[in-house]
Protein backbone atom coordinates (compact mmCIF):
# COMPACT_ATOMS: atom_id res chain seq x y z
CA MET A 1 29.12 10.99 5.34
CA LYS A 2 25.59 11.90 6.76
CA GLU A 3 23.10 9.86 8.84
CA LEU A 4 19.43 10.66 8.33
CA LYS A 5 16.60 8.91 10.39
CA GLY A 6 12.95 7.76 9.00
CA ILE A 7 10.80 4.87 9.96
CA GLY A 8 12.20 1.63 9.21
CA VAL A 9 9.28 -0.71 7.57
CA SER A 10 10.57 -3.49 5.89
CA PRO A 11 13.93 -5.28 7.39
CA GLY A 12 17.16 -5.51 5.72
CA ILE A 13 20.10 -3.42 4.63
CA ALA A 14 20.81 -2.51 1.00
CA ILE A 15 23.80 -0.61 -0.36
CA GLY A 16 23.38 0.87 -3.50
CA LYS A 17 23.09 3.98 -5.77
CA VAL A 18 20.27 6.19 -5.40
CA PHE A 19 17.34 6.82 -8.25
CA VAL A 20 15.23 10.09 -7.47
CA LEU A 21 11.74 9.44 -8.75
CA HIS A 22 8.80 12.20 -8.69
CA SER A 23 5.21 11.50 -9.15
CA GLY A 24 3.60 13.06 -11.78
CA GLU A 25 0.02 13.13 -9.67
CA SER A 26 1.07 15.84 -7.40
CA PHE A 27 1.97 19.85 -7.68
CA ASN A 28 3.55 19.81 -3.97
CA LEU A 29 6.94 18.13 -4.71
CA PRO A 30 9.81 19.09 -2.73
CA ARG A 31 12.32 21.27 -3.37
CA ARG A 32 15.52 19.72 -4.96
CA VAL A 33 18.50 22.04 -5.77
CA ILE A 34 21.12 21.10 -8.41
CA THR A 35 24.64 22.24 -9.52
CA PRO A 36 25.11 24.79 -12.06
CA GLU A 37 26.56 22.53 -14.72
CA LEU A 38 22.96 20.71 -14.51
CA ILE A 39 20.93 23.69 -15.59
CA PRO A 40 21.01 23.04 -19.21
CA ASN A 41 20.21 19.44 -18.63
CA GLU A 42 17.02 20.36 -16.64
CA ILE A 43 16.05 23.07 -19.24
CA ALA A 44 16.12 20.39 -21.90
CA ARG A 45 14.27 17.89 -20.00
CA PHE A 46 11.86 20.59 -19.58
CA GLU A 47 11.45 21.47 -23.21
CA ASP A 48 11.49 17.75 -24.17
CA ALA A 49 8.36 17.00 -21.63
CA LEU A 50 6.56 20.16 -23.53
CA ALA A 51 7.26 18.70 -26.86
CA ARG A 52 6.04 15.04 -25.63
CA THR A 53 2.86 16.78 -24.23
CA ARG A 54 2.17 18.69 -26.92
CA THR A 55 2.30 15.57 -29.19
CA GLU A 56 -0.29 13.59 -26.79
CA ILE A 57 -2.89 16.39 -26.97
CA LEU A 58 -2.72 16.76 -30.58
CA GLU A 59 -3.20 13.27 -31.15
CA ILE A 60 -5.97 13.18 -28.45
CA ARG A 61 -7.69 16.19 -30.40
CA ARG A 62 -7.37 14.20 -33.73
CA LYS A 63 -9.00 11.04 -32.21
CA LEU A 64 -12.22 13.33 -30.81
CA SER A 65 -12.45 15.13 -33.92
CA ASP A 66 -12.64 11.91 -35.86
CA GLN A 67 -15.30 10.34 -33.35
CA ILE A 68 -17.75 12.91 -32.27
CA GLY A 69 -16.88 15.97 -34.18
CA ARG A 70 -14.60 19.10 -34.20
CA GLU A 71 -16.70 21.16 -31.91
CA SER A 72 -16.36 18.81 -29.05
CA SER A 73 -12.47 18.66 -29.47
CA ASP A 74 -11.95 22.34 -29.03
CA ILE A 75 -11.13 21.96 -25.43
CA PHE A 76 -7.74 20.62 -26.45
CA THR A 77 -7.14 23.48 -28.45
CA ALA A 78 -7.33 25.63 -25.55
CA HIS A 79 -5.13 23.01 -23.64
CA LEU A 80 -2.71 23.65 -26.69
CA LEU A 81 -2.58 27.34 -25.95
CA ILE A 82 -1.97 27.02 -22.40
CA LEU A 83 0.88 24.77 -23.28
CA GLU A 84 2.21 27.00 -25.74
CA ASP A 85 2.23 29.95 -23.52
CA ARG A 86 5.44 31.64 -24.07
CA THR A 87 4.94 33.51 -20.29
CA MET A 88 4.82 30.35 -18.73
CA ILE A 89 7.45 28.69 -20.44
CA GLU A 90 9.85 31.55 -19.64
CA ASP A 91 8.85 31.77 -16.03
CA VAL A 92 9.46 27.77 -15.76
CA ILE A 93 12.91 28.10 -17.32
CA GLU A 94 13.97 31.30 -15.27
CA VAL A 95 13.15 29.76 -12.06
CA ILE A 96 15.57 26.78 -13.21
CA ARG A 97 18.48 29.12 -14.13
CA ASN A 98 17.95 31.53 -11.12
CA GLU A 99 16.80 28.97 -8.08
CA LYS A 100 19.17 26.33 -9.25
CA VAL A 101 16.42 23.69 -8.89
CA ALA A 102 15.15 20.56 -10.59
CA ALA A 103 12.52 21.07 -13.68
CA GLU A 104 9.62 19.44 -11.92
CA PHE A 105 10.10 21.72 -8.75
CA ALA A 106 10.61 24.98 -11.25
CA PHE A 107 7.07 23.94 -12.91
CA THR A 108 5.13 23.34 -9.89
CA THR A 109 6.15 26.56 -8.69
CA VAL A 110 4.97 28.40 -11.80
CA ILE A 111 1.99 26.61 -11.90
CA GLN A 112 0.85 27.10 -8.02
CA ARG A 113 1.00 30.78 -9.17
CA TYR A 114 -1.25 30.37 -11.84
CA PHE A 115 -3.56 28.27 -9.65
CA GLN A 116 -3.67 31.27 -7.13
CA ALA A 117 -4.08 33.98 -9.60
CA PHE A 118 -7.35 32.24 -11.32
CA SER A 119 -8.78 31.29 -8.08
CA GLN A 120 -8.79 35.09 -7.33
CA ILE A 121 -10.74 36.09 -10.63
CA ASN A 122 -14.20 36.78 -10.01
CA ASP A 123 -15.45 35.92 -13.60
CA GLU A 124 -16.93 32.49 -13.34
CA TYR A 125 -15.70 31.34 -16.93
CA LEU A 126 -11.98 32.38 -15.91
CA LYS A 127 -12.15 30.35 -12.59
CA GLU A 128 -13.07 27.18 -14.19
CA ARG A 129 -9.98 27.26 -16.56
CA ILE A 130 -8.26 26.13 -13.62
CA SER A 131 -9.22 22.86 -14.53
CA ASP A 132 -7.67 22.96 -18.09
CA ILE A 133 -4.67 24.19 -16.35
CA ARG A 134 -4.46 21.43 -14.11
CA ASP A 135 -5.18 18.85 -16.54
CA VAL A 136 -2.28 20.22 -18.72
CA GLY A 137 0.01 20.32 -15.49
CA ARG A 138 -0.81 16.79 -14.59
CA ARG A 139 0.01 15.78 -18.25
CA LEU A 140 3.50 17.47 -18.61
CA MET A 141 4.17 16.42 -15.09
CA GLY A 142 3.65 13.11 -16.08
CA ASN A 143 5.80 13.31 -18.84
CA LEU A 144 8.49 14.96 -16.78
CA CYS A 145 8.47 12.18 -14.34
CA GLY A 146 7.90 9.16 -16.90
CA GLU A 147 10.88 10.49 -18.32
CA ALA A 148 12.63 9.61 -15.04
CA LYS A 149 10.74 6.19 -14.84
CA ARG A 150 12.14 5.47 -18.27
CA ARG A 151 15.83 6.38 -17.37
CA LEU A 152 15.34 4.27 -14.55
CA GLU A 153 15.04 1.04 -17.09
CA GLU A 154 18.29 2.00 -18.90
CA PHE A 155 19.92 1.22 -15.35
CA LYS A 156 22.02 -2.03 -15.92
CA GLU A 157 22.35 -2.33 -12.07
CA LYS A 158 19.60 -2.13 -8.88
CA VAL A 159 19.41 0.99 -7.49
CA ILE A 160 17.94 2.64 -4.36
CA ILE A 161 14.38 4.50 -5.26
CA VAL A 162 14.17 7.99 -3.30
CA SER A 163 10.70 9.71 -3.87
CA HIS A 164 8.75 12.20 -1.62
CA ASP A 165 6.19 9.59 -1.93
CA LEU A 166 5.11 6.56 -4.03
CA SER A 167 1.81 6.08 -4.69
CA PRO A 168 0.46 2.83 -5.19
CA SER A 169 0.19 2.86 -9.13
CA ASP A 170 4.01 4.43 -9.21
CA THR A 171 4.83 1.42 -7.37
CA ALA A 172 3.02 -1.03 -9.62
CA MET A 173 4.40 0.31 -12.60
CA LEU A 174 7.98 0.14 -11.52
CA ASP A 175 10.14 -2.42 -12.73
CA LYS A 176 11.01 -4.56 -9.23
CA SER A 177 13.77 -6.26 -10.33
CA LYS A 178 15.58 -2.69 -10.77
CA VAL A 179 14.77 -1.89 -7.27
CA LEU A 180 17.32 -2.51 -4.11
CA ALA A 181 15.44 -0.53 -1.65
CA PHE A 182 12.94 2.54 -0.75
CA ILE A 183 13.19 5.59 0.76
CA THR A 184 10.01 7.87 1.09
CA GLU A 185 10.15 11.27 2.55
CA ILE A 186 6.36 11.15 3.90
CA GLY A 187 4.46 7.75 5.03
CA GLY A 188 3.98 5.44 7.85
CA PRO A 189 4.39 2.04 8.98
CA THR A 190 1.10 1.04 6.99
CA SER A 191 1.50 2.91 4.02
CA HIS A 192 1.39 1.31 0.64
CA THR A 193 5.10 1.65 -0.02
CA ALA A 194 5.82 0.02 3.48
CA ILE A 195 3.59 -2.80 2.27
CA LEU A 196 5.05 -3.19 -1.14
CA GLY A 197 8.54 -3.03 0.44
CA ARG A 198 7.79 -6.17 2.45
CA SER A 199 5.82 -8.07 -0.22
CA LEU A 200 8.93 -7.41 -2.36
CA GLU A 201 11.17 -8.75 0.61
CA ILE A 202 13.45 -5.50 0.18
CA PRO A 203 14.10 -2.72 2.54
CA ALA A 204 12.22 0.25 2.92
CA ILE A 205 12.28 3.41 4.74
CA VAL A 206 9.35 6.06 5.16
CA GLY A 207 9.09 9.35 7.03
CA ALA A 208 12.42 10.21 5.89
CA GLU A 209 12.10 13.94 6.03
CA ARG A 210 14.03 15.98 3.36
CA VAL A 211 16.05 13.09 1.90
CA ILE A 212 15.53 14.28 -1.47
CA ASN A 213 17.77 17.37 -0.52
CA GLU A 214 20.60 15.25 0.54
CA VAL A 215 21.08 12.79 -2.12
CA ASP A 216 21.30 12.98 -6.00
CA ASN A 217 21.16 10.39 -9.02
CA GLY A 218 24.12 7.92 -8.54
CA MET A 219 25.08 9.19 -5.12
CA PRO A 220 25.90 5.82 -2.81
CA VAL A 221 23.64 5.27 0.35
CA ILE A 222 22.94 2.80 2.67
CA VAL A 223 19.54 1.56 4.15
CA ASP A 224 19.09 -0.21 7.11
CA GLY A 225 15.32 -0.97 6.77
CA THR A 226 15.01 -2.59 10.21
CA HIS A 227 16.05 0.39 12.19
CA GLY A 228 14.69 3.49 9.57
CA VAL A 229 18.59 4.63 9.15
CA VAL A 230 20.00 5.98 5.75
CA ILE A 231 23.68 6.70 5.27
CA VAL A 232 24.27 9.18 2.73
CA GLU A 233 27.91 8.72 0.82
CA PRO A 234 29.25 6.19 3.68
CA ASP A 235 32.89 6.01 4.34
CA GLN A 236 34.75 2.55 4.57
CA GLU A 237 34.17 1.80 7.74
CA ALA A 238 30.36 2.46 7.67
CA ILE A 239 30.13 0.19 4.71
CA GLU A 240 32.14 -2.57 6.77
CA LYS A 241 29.91 -2.14 9.69
CA PHE A 242 26.57 -2.40 7.43
CA THR A 243 27.75 -5.40 5.42
CA SER A 244 28.40 -6.98 8.85
CA GLU A 245 24.85 -6.32 9.65
CA GLU A 246 23.49 -7.33 6.56
CA ASN A 247 25.37 -10.91 6.90
CA ARG A 248 23.82 -11.22 10.21
CA PHE A 249 20.62 -10.81 9.02
CA ILE A 250 20.93 -12.88 6.08
CA GLN A 251 21.95 -15.36 8.68
CA LEU A 252 19.14 -15.35 11.08
CA THR A 253 16.58 -15.29 7.82
CA GLY A 254 18.19 -18.74 7.51
CA GLU A 255 17.84 -20.06 10.45
CA LEU A 256 14.32 -18.90 10.64
CA ASN A 257 13.80 -20.18 6.82
CA LYS A 258 14.29 -24.13 8.64
CA LEU A 259 10.74 -23.73 10.20
CA ARG A 260 9.13 -23.63 6.95
CA ASP A 261 7.49 -26.96 6.77
CA LEU A 262 6.83 -27.14 10.40
CA PRO A 263 3.17 -25.79 11.80
CA ALA A 264 2.61 -22.78 13.85
CA GLU A 265 2.07 -24.13 17.14
CA THR A 266 2.66 -23.37 20.41
CA LEU A 267 4.89 -25.94 23.04
CA ASP A 268 1.61 -26.83 24.67
CA GLY A 269 -0.31 -27.64 21.18
CA LYS A 270 -2.44 -24.79 20.35
CA ARG A 271 -2.25 -24.44 16.62
CA ILE A 272 -2.48 -20.71 15.03
CA THR A 273 -3.31 -20.49 11.30
CA LEU A 274 -0.59 -18.77 9.75
CA ALA A 275 -1.58 -17.02 6.42
CA ALA A 276 0.07 -14.38 3.75
CA ASN A 277 -1.20 -11.00 2.33
CA ILE A 278 -0.39 -10.57 -1.29
CA GLU A 279 -0.87 -7.57 -3.83
CA PHE A 280 -0.24 -9.39 -7.15
CA HIS A 281 -1.51 -12.84 -8.14
CA HIS A 282 2.14 -13.99 -8.93
CA GLU A 283 3.02 -13.70 -5.31
CA ALA A 284 1.09 -16.72 -4.41
CA ALA A 285 4.45 -18.90 -5.31
CA SER A 286 6.36 -17.04 -2.37
CA VAL A 287 3.10 -17.85 0.11
CA ILE A 288 4.16 -21.48 0.11
CA SER A 289 7.84 -20.82 0.25
CA HIS A 290 7.79 -19.00 3.16
CA GLY A 291 5.49 -21.64 4.85
CA ALA A 292 2.17 -19.81 4.77
CA GLU A 293 -1.19 -21.89 5.15
CA GLY A 294 -2.89 -20.16 2.68
CA VAL A 295 -3.64 -16.63 1.85
CA GLY A 296 -5.08 -14.40 4.66
CA LEU A 297 -5.61 -11.25 2.44
CA TYR A 298 -5.55 -10.73 -1.23
CA ARG A 299 -5.67 -7.11 -2.16
CA THR A 300 -7.56 -6.89 -5.57
CA GLU A 301 -7.06 -3.32 -6.36
CA TYR A 302 -3.88 -3.53 -8.05
CA LEU A 303 -6.00 -5.35 -10.96
CA TYR A 304 -7.66 -1.99 -11.59
CA MET A 305 -4.49 0.39 -11.63
CA ASN A 306 -2.73 1.61 -14.62
CA ARG A 307 -5.14 0.56 -16.97
CA SER A 308 -6.99 2.37 -19.75
CA SER A 309 -10.28 -0.02 -19.50
CA LEU A 310 -11.78 -1.91 -16.50
CA PRO A 311 -10.53 -5.69 -16.22
CA THR A 312 -12.84 -7.99 -17.55
CA GLU A 313 -14.17 -10.96 -15.54
CA ASP A 314 -12.26 -13.25 -17.55
CA GLU A 315 -9.04 -11.27 -16.65
CA GLN A 316 -10.25 -11.12 -12.96
CA TYR A 317 -11.13 -14.80 -12.83
CA ASP A 318 -7.71 -15.92 -14.35
CA ALA A 319 -6.18 -14.02 -11.68
CA TYR A 320 -8.09 -15.46 -8.85
CA ARG A 321 -7.61 -18.91 -10.32
CA LYS A 322 -3.72 -18.79 -10.46
CA VAL A 323 -3.84 -18.09 -6.85
CA ALA A 324 -6.00 -20.85 -5.78
CA LYS A 325 -4.27 -23.39 -7.86
CA ALA A 326 -0.72 -22.31 -6.66
CA VAL A 327 -1.49 -22.56 -2.69
CA GLY A 328 -3.64 -25.75 -3.45
CA HIS A 329 -5.81 -26.78 -0.64
CA HIS A 330 -5.38 -24.04 1.45
CA PRO A 331 -7.75 -20.97 1.75
CA VAL A 332 -7.45 -17.81 -0.26
CA ILE A 333 -9.32 -14.69 1.11
CA ILE A 334 -10.08 -12.48 -1.82
CA ARG A 335 -10.93 -8.77 -0.46
CA THR A 336 -13.46 -7.37 -2.80
CA LEU A 337 -12.49 -3.70 -4.43
CA ASP A 338 -10.90 -1.78 -1.99
CA LEU A 339 -10.10 1.58 -3.73
CA GLY A 340 -10.28 5.25 -2.54
CA GLY A 341 -8.54 6.64 0.44
CA ASP A 342 -4.81 6.72 -0.64
CA LYS A 343 -5.63 4.18 -3.65
CA PHE A 344 -7.47 5.55 -6.83
CA ALA A 345 -7.84 3.89 -10.38
CA SER A 346 -8.40 6.67 -12.92
CA ILE A 347 -10.32 4.59 -14.92
CA LEU A 348 -12.94 4.60 -12.21
CA GLU A 349 -13.29 8.45 -11.88
CA ILE A 350 -13.57 8.59 -8.10
CA PRO A 351 -13.78 12.15 -7.56
CA HIS A 352 -11.69 14.34 -5.34
CA GLU A 353 -12.76 14.07 -1.95
CA MET A 354 -11.92 16.62 1.07
CA ASN A 355 -11.53 13.20 3.30
CA PRO A 356 -11.08 10.41 1.13
CA TYR A 357 -10.42 8.03 3.73
CA LEU A 358 -14.23 8.37 5.08
CA GLY A 359 -15.37 8.93 1.70
CA TRP A 360 -16.86 6.92 -1.37
CA ARG A 361 -14.61 3.99 -0.87
CA ALA A 362 -14.29 0.14 -0.58
CA ILE A 363 -17.76 -1.57 0.15
CA ARG A 364 -19.49 1.80 -0.11
CA PHE A 365 -18.00 2.43 -3.76
CA CYS A 366 -19.15 -1.33 -4.19
CA LEU A 367 -22.80 -0.82 -3.41
CA THR A 368 -23.40 2.25 -5.87
CA ARG A 369 -21.56 0.69 -8.84
CA LYS A 370 -22.88 -2.50 -8.59
CA ASP A 371 -21.85 -3.32 -12.15
CA ILE A 372 -18.27 -3.44 -11.23
CA PHE A 373 -18.75 -5.26 -8.19
CA LYS A 374 -21.15 -7.93 -9.57
CA THR A 375 -18.19 -8.79 -12.46
CA GLN A 376 -16.00 -9.31 -9.71
CA LEU A 377 -17.98 -11.31 -7.48
CA ARG A 378 -19.06 -13.47 -10.66
CA ALA A 379 -14.92 -13.74 -11.19
CA ILE A 380 -14.53 -14.77 -7.14
CA LEU A 381 -17.18 -17.31 -7.76
CA ARG A 382 -15.89 -18.86 -10.98
CA ALA A 383 -12.52 -19.17 -9.43
CA SER A 384 -13.96 -20.94 -6.25
CA ALA A 385 -14.43 -24.11 -8.30
CA HIS A 386 -10.56 -24.20 -8.65
CA GLY A 387 -9.66 -24.15 -4.72
CA ASN A 388 -10.74 -22.94 -1.24
CA ILE A 389 -11.63 -19.23 -1.91
CA LYS A 390 -12.98 -16.85 0.53
CA ILE A 391 -14.64 -13.67 -0.10
CA MET A 392 -14.41 -10.85 2.46
CA TYR A 393 -15.75 -7.26 2.18
CA PRO A 394 -13.84 -4.29 3.27
CA MET A 395 -15.02 -1.01 5.18
CA ILE A 396 -17.98 -2.79 6.84
CA SER A 397 -19.58 -0.28 9.11
CA ASN A 398 -23.43 -2.11 9.72
CA ILE A 399 -25.37 -5.38 8.89
CA TYR A 400 -27.02 -3.47 6.17
CA GLU A 401 -23.66 -3.48 3.94
CA ILE A 402 -23.45 -7.28 4.61
CA ARG A 403 -27.08 -7.83 3.73
CA MET A 404 -27.07 -5.55 0.15
CA SER A 405 -23.77 -7.55 -0.45
CA ARG A 406 -25.25 -10.57 -0.11
CA GLU A 407 -28.21 -9.95 -2.61
CA ILE A 408 -25.54 -9.00 -4.93
CA LEU A 409 -23.71 -12.19 -4.41
CA ASN A 410 -27.20 -14.02 -4.74
CA GLU A 411 -27.61 -12.62 -8.00
CA ALA A 412 -24.13 -13.52 -9.20
CA MET A 413 -24.78 -17.18 -8.34
CA ALA A 414 -27.90 -17.39 -10.00
CA GLU A 415 -26.59 -16.27 -13.02
CA LEU A 416 -23.94 -18.27 -13.04
CA GLU A 417 -26.23 -21.44 -12.18
CA ARG A 418 -28.01 -20.18 -15.20
CA GLU A 419 -24.89 -20.06 -17.60
CA GLY A 420 -24.10 -23.48 -16.15
CA LYS A 421 -20.78 -22.21 -15.02
CA PRO A 422 -19.39 -24.37 -11.79
CA PHE A 423 -18.68 -22.51 -8.55
CA ASN A 424 -19.00 -23.17 -4.70
CA ARG A 425 -22.48 -22.56 -3.69
CA SER A 426 -21.07 -22.56 -0.01
CA ILE A 427 -18.55 -20.19 -0.20
CA ASP A 428 -17.73 -18.68 2.84
CA VAL A 429 -18.32 -14.74 3.56
CA GLY A 430 -16.83 -12.40 6.05
CA ALA A 431 -16.19 -9.11 6.99
CA MET A 432 -12.98 -6.78 7.63
CA ILE A 433 -13.18 -5.14 10.90
CA GLU A 434 -11.55 -1.97 10.15
CA ILE A 435 -14.07 0.78 11.53
CA PRO A 436 -14.97 1.11 15.14
CA SER A 437 -18.82 0.70 14.83
CA ALA A 438 -18.18 -2.94 13.14
CA ALA A 439 -15.84 -3.92 16.22
CA LEU A 440 -18.35 -2.80 18.31
CA ALA A 441 -21.52 -4.34 16.63
CA SER A 442 -19.46 -7.54 15.77
CA ASP A 443 -21.78 -9.46 17.77
CA VAL A 444 -24.63 -8.72 15.36
CA LEU A 445 -22.15 -8.90 12.08
CA ALA A 446 -21.08 -12.27 13.23
CA LYS A 447 -24.90 -13.50 12.90
CA GLU A 448 -24.73 -13.56 8.89
CA THR A 449 -21.05 -13.75 8.51
CA ASP A 450 -18.90 -16.74 8.71
CA PHE A 451 -15.76 -15.17 9.80
CA PHE A 452 -13.85 -11.79 10.67
CA SER A 453 -10.47 -10.57 9.93
CA ILE A 454 -9.16 -7.72 11.79
CA GLY A 455 -7.74 -4.70 9.46
CA THR A 456 -5.56 -3.29 12.13
CA ASN A 457 -3.93 -0.68 9.64
CA ASP A 458 -7.19 1.30 9.29
CA LEU A 459 -8.68 0.28 12.79
CA ILE A 460 -5.82 2.08 14.47
CA GLN A 461 -6.32 5.14 12.15
CA TYR A 462 -10.10 5.68 12.93
CA VAL A 463 -10.06 4.75 16.55
CA LEU A 464 -6.97 7.00 17.49
CA ALA A 465 -7.80 9.84 14.85
CA ILE A 466 -4.82 10.32 12.88
CA ASP A 467 -3.55 10.06 9.43
CA ARG A 468 -1.60 7.04 9.02
CA MET A 469 0.26 8.57 6.11
CA ASN A 470 1.23 11.53 8.22
CA GLU A 471 5.00 11.48 9.71
CA LYS A 472 3.95 14.28 11.44
CA VAL A 473 1.70 12.17 13.66
CA ALA A 474 3.36 9.29 13.44
CA TYR A 475 4.63 8.90 16.68
CA LEU A 476 0.65 8.76 17.66
CA TYR A 477 0.13 5.66 15.85
CA GLU A 478 -0.04 2.79 18.52
CA PRO A 479 -0.93 -0.48 17.95
CA THR A 480 -0.84 -1.22 21.64
CA HIS A 481 -3.07 1.51 22.71
CA PRO A 482 -5.84 0.17 24.94
CA ALA A 483 -8.53 1.22 22.99
CA ILE A 484 -7.19 -0.82 20.48
CA LEU A 485 -6.36 -4.11 22.38
CA ARG A 486 -9.97 -3.69 24.24
CA LEU A 487 -11.61 -3.29 20.55
CA ILE A 488 -9.44 -6.56 19.19
CA GLU A 489 -10.48 -8.52 22.24
CA THR A 490 -14.39 -7.45 21.64
CA VAL A 491 -14.22 -8.95 17.99
CA ILE A 492 -12.57 -11.90 19.18
CA LYS A 493 -14.92 -12.97 21.91
CA ASN A 494 -17.92 -11.80 19.48
CA GLY A 495 -16.66 -13.73 16.92
CA HIS A 496 -16.09 -17.31 18.91
CA ALA A 497 -19.71 -16.66 20.62
CA HIS A 498 -21.26 -17.05 17.12
CA ASP A 499 -18.96 -19.88 16.04
CA SER A 500 -16.93 -17.61 13.63
CA TRP A 501 -13.19 -17.81 13.62
CA VAL A 502 -11.42 -14.46 14.13
CA GLY A 503 -8.37 -13.25 12.10
CA SER A 504 -5.82 -10.37 12.20
CA CYS A 505 -4.36 -8.89 8.84
CA GLY A 506 -3.01 -5.73 9.94
CA GLU A 507 0.94 -4.88 9.67
CA MET A 508 0.86 -4.76 13.76
CA SER A 509 0.47 -8.56 13.25
CA GLY A 510 3.99 -8.76 11.78
CA ASN A 511 5.36 -7.69 15.01
CA PRO A 512 6.56 -10.58 16.92
CA LYS A 513 5.88 -9.36 20.30
CA ILE A 514 2.47 -8.32 19.32
CA ALA A 515 1.83 -11.32 17.68
CA ILE A 516 2.34 -13.27 20.97
CA LEU A 517 -0.36 -10.88 22.64
CA LEU A 518 -2.90 -11.99 19.80
CA VAL A 519 -2.30 -15.34 20.41
CA GLY A 520 -3.36 -14.91 23.95
CA LEU A 521 -6.11 -12.98 23.13
CA GLY A 522 -7.18 -15.93 21.41
CA ILE A 523 -6.87 -15.17 17.75
CA ASP A 524 -7.33 -17.92 15.26
CA GLU A 525 -5.51 -16.70 12.37
CA ILE A 526 -2.52 -14.21 11.62
CA SER A 527 -1.69 -13.05 8.11
CA VAL A 528 1.30 -11.23 7.65
CA SER A 529 3.69 -10.45 4.68
CA PRO A 530 5.40 -13.40 3.57
CA VAL A 531 8.96 -11.79 4.42
CA VAL A 532 8.06 -11.51 8.06
CA LEU A 533 5.87 -14.57 7.98
CA PRO A 534 8.85 -16.98 9.68
CA LYS A 535 9.81 -14.49 12.59
CA ILE A 536 5.86 -15.12 13.47
CA LYS A 537 6.06 -18.55 13.14
CA LYS A 538 9.32 -18.90 15.52
CA ALA A 539 7.79 -16.63 18.16
CA ILE A 540 4.41 -18.82 18.59
CA ARG A 541 6.26 -21.90 18.67
CA SER A 542 8.48 -20.55 21.51
CA ILE A 543 5.90 -19.98 23.98
CA ARG A 544 3.04 -22.05 25.59
CA TYR A 545 -0.30 -20.97 24.77
CA ALA A 546 -1.30 -20.74 28.78
CA ASP A 547 1.60 -18.13 29.19
CA ALA A 548 0.40 -16.27 26.09
CA GLN A 549 -2.79 -16.02 27.64
CA GLU A 550 -0.99 -14.80 30.75
CA ILE A 551 0.84 -12.04 29.04
CA ALA A 552 -2.56 -11.03 27.25
CA ARG A 553 -4.09 -10.77 30.53
CA LYS A 554 -1.33 -8.79 32.31
CA ALA A 555 -1.16 -6.43 29.24
CA MET A 556 -4.56 -5.50 29.16
CA THR A 557 -3.92 -4.45 32.94
CA PHE A 558 -1.91 -1.00 31.68
CA GLN A 559 -3.11 2.10 30.96
CA THR A 560 -0.86 2.98 27.76
CA GLY A 561 0.33 1.99 24.76
CA LYS A 562 3.89 2.62 25.43
CA GLU A 563 3.65 0.55 28.91
CA ILE A 564 2.34 -2.00 26.80
CA GLU A 565 4.94 -2.04 24.34
CA GLN A 566 7.68 -2.26 26.62
CA PHE A 567 5.86 -4.90 28.53
CA LEU A 568 5.77 -7.08 25.26
CA GLY A 569 9.73 -6.17 24.18
CA GLU A 570 10.42 -7.69 27.81
CA LYS A 571 8.58 -10.93 27.45
CA LEU A 572 9.97 -11.38 24.05
CA LYS A 573 13.18 -11.07 25.22
CA ASP A 574 12.75 -13.96 27.56
CA ILE A 575 10.68 -16.07 24.92
CA CYS A 576 12.87 -15.70 21.98
CA ARG A 577 15.94 -13.28 22.46
CA GLU A 578 17.17 -13.30 18.87
CA LEU A 579 13.74 -11.91 17.67
CA ALA A 580 13.72 -9.34 20.31
CA ASP A 581 17.40 -8.31 19.29
CA ASP A 582 16.44 -8.21 15.44
């Protein structure tokens, strides 16, 4: 038995067997050692992936030759030569045999040698062949990892996914009915693996360094997503202990769910709108079942992932309409496309950037690709005829982006009017406040928007200058840092001064002690993952608004985030001990 630590990002306990899943997008996979008897199996997996990749390239070459001529398809002949290079194949097999490692790691070891060798060649033509090697390598890795995903489908029981990382496209393709829990080696509290774990209401742990080296397929593990603990090959005593913890968690969840139909209202009558964050339209059913008053953040980028073509206007309209109908008269805030950073869709061909979080993403991408942006806006407008839909623009940094977005929205409205298609002419439009410049200039933005929603995931990252996906700097990720709280307070005051309501849709809002602080600062709406919503409702219903204001006032006098977090933790114990102990 061995205990490993990570960052618990989705609460609950799972006991089950491991399934190791690799992504085909990366050539930087962790080393995974295998036993000698598995060497023939890994070599066979590699050779099978070679055969699959060769078949794919031949088919692509044939189609291109038919469509645009043989000369233009010759690049894929070069790809076949790379794939059939005996030296490369023998090198990979040798690494598997000699180092006793999985096929994925052996292949990445060899392919990295090729990258390095070609990068040092002075001949520009040969240097350019690196991109060909990379393309072939990605395709082969995709088949190696895709084969693993196919094997996942063969499991008759649910498994615990263990991976170095899970990209949004990886998670979007998984059969969720087969997954008990997630464990990844990298990532932080606001990574998309964390968000997905919460949306699926299953335990999740990120930042569990070198966990892949400690487990193998079929190995029993315990995942404690509340406390970030992984128990590898647990003994009977550990199983009994965590089974008891799981039962306690289930009991608490049952008690909290009794609040479902009650409002998020303080003891002295202050009403807070409690909404839910969703990624997929089919999650809308869980919004109401958890007692939410609408959707505070509908992330639409998943509509664009794992596709061979862009979603049509009708496809998007259908998804948005379904969400609006599912929540009835409650509001649905649809965030326009926010790709870039750690979320990519291959069909959009967003180029590799040195710093994608600060690059061509979100509203910046949309304002450049007006065709894609307007299609989405038309779909949202059409869906607004079926419910209380609002539009929110992500990554706003200045007033010009609001104005340019308004121009495109007006064009979409004019087109729909000419076509006789119904929509809400008075649809509310808001800005997601996640860049420091937007927070500091929120008084200016408030004059030309109807609402703000504070996206604390990115706001914290940008203010504190940390990569929220990097577990090595996770300790610097402080939602209670005084600078963060001062910016939140500024946004709330500026919004209210211009009669705009202000919400918070970041993951920090899902922490009961921080939710109480936000209430005290004057937040109007809190939007969180459906699974944590009952806890936030319990916290709000356990305190007087006047006391929450006093807690916020006192918290703002501390000089460090740790002092503030400790203070809030003590207050939560006084207010609602069962939430503090969880």
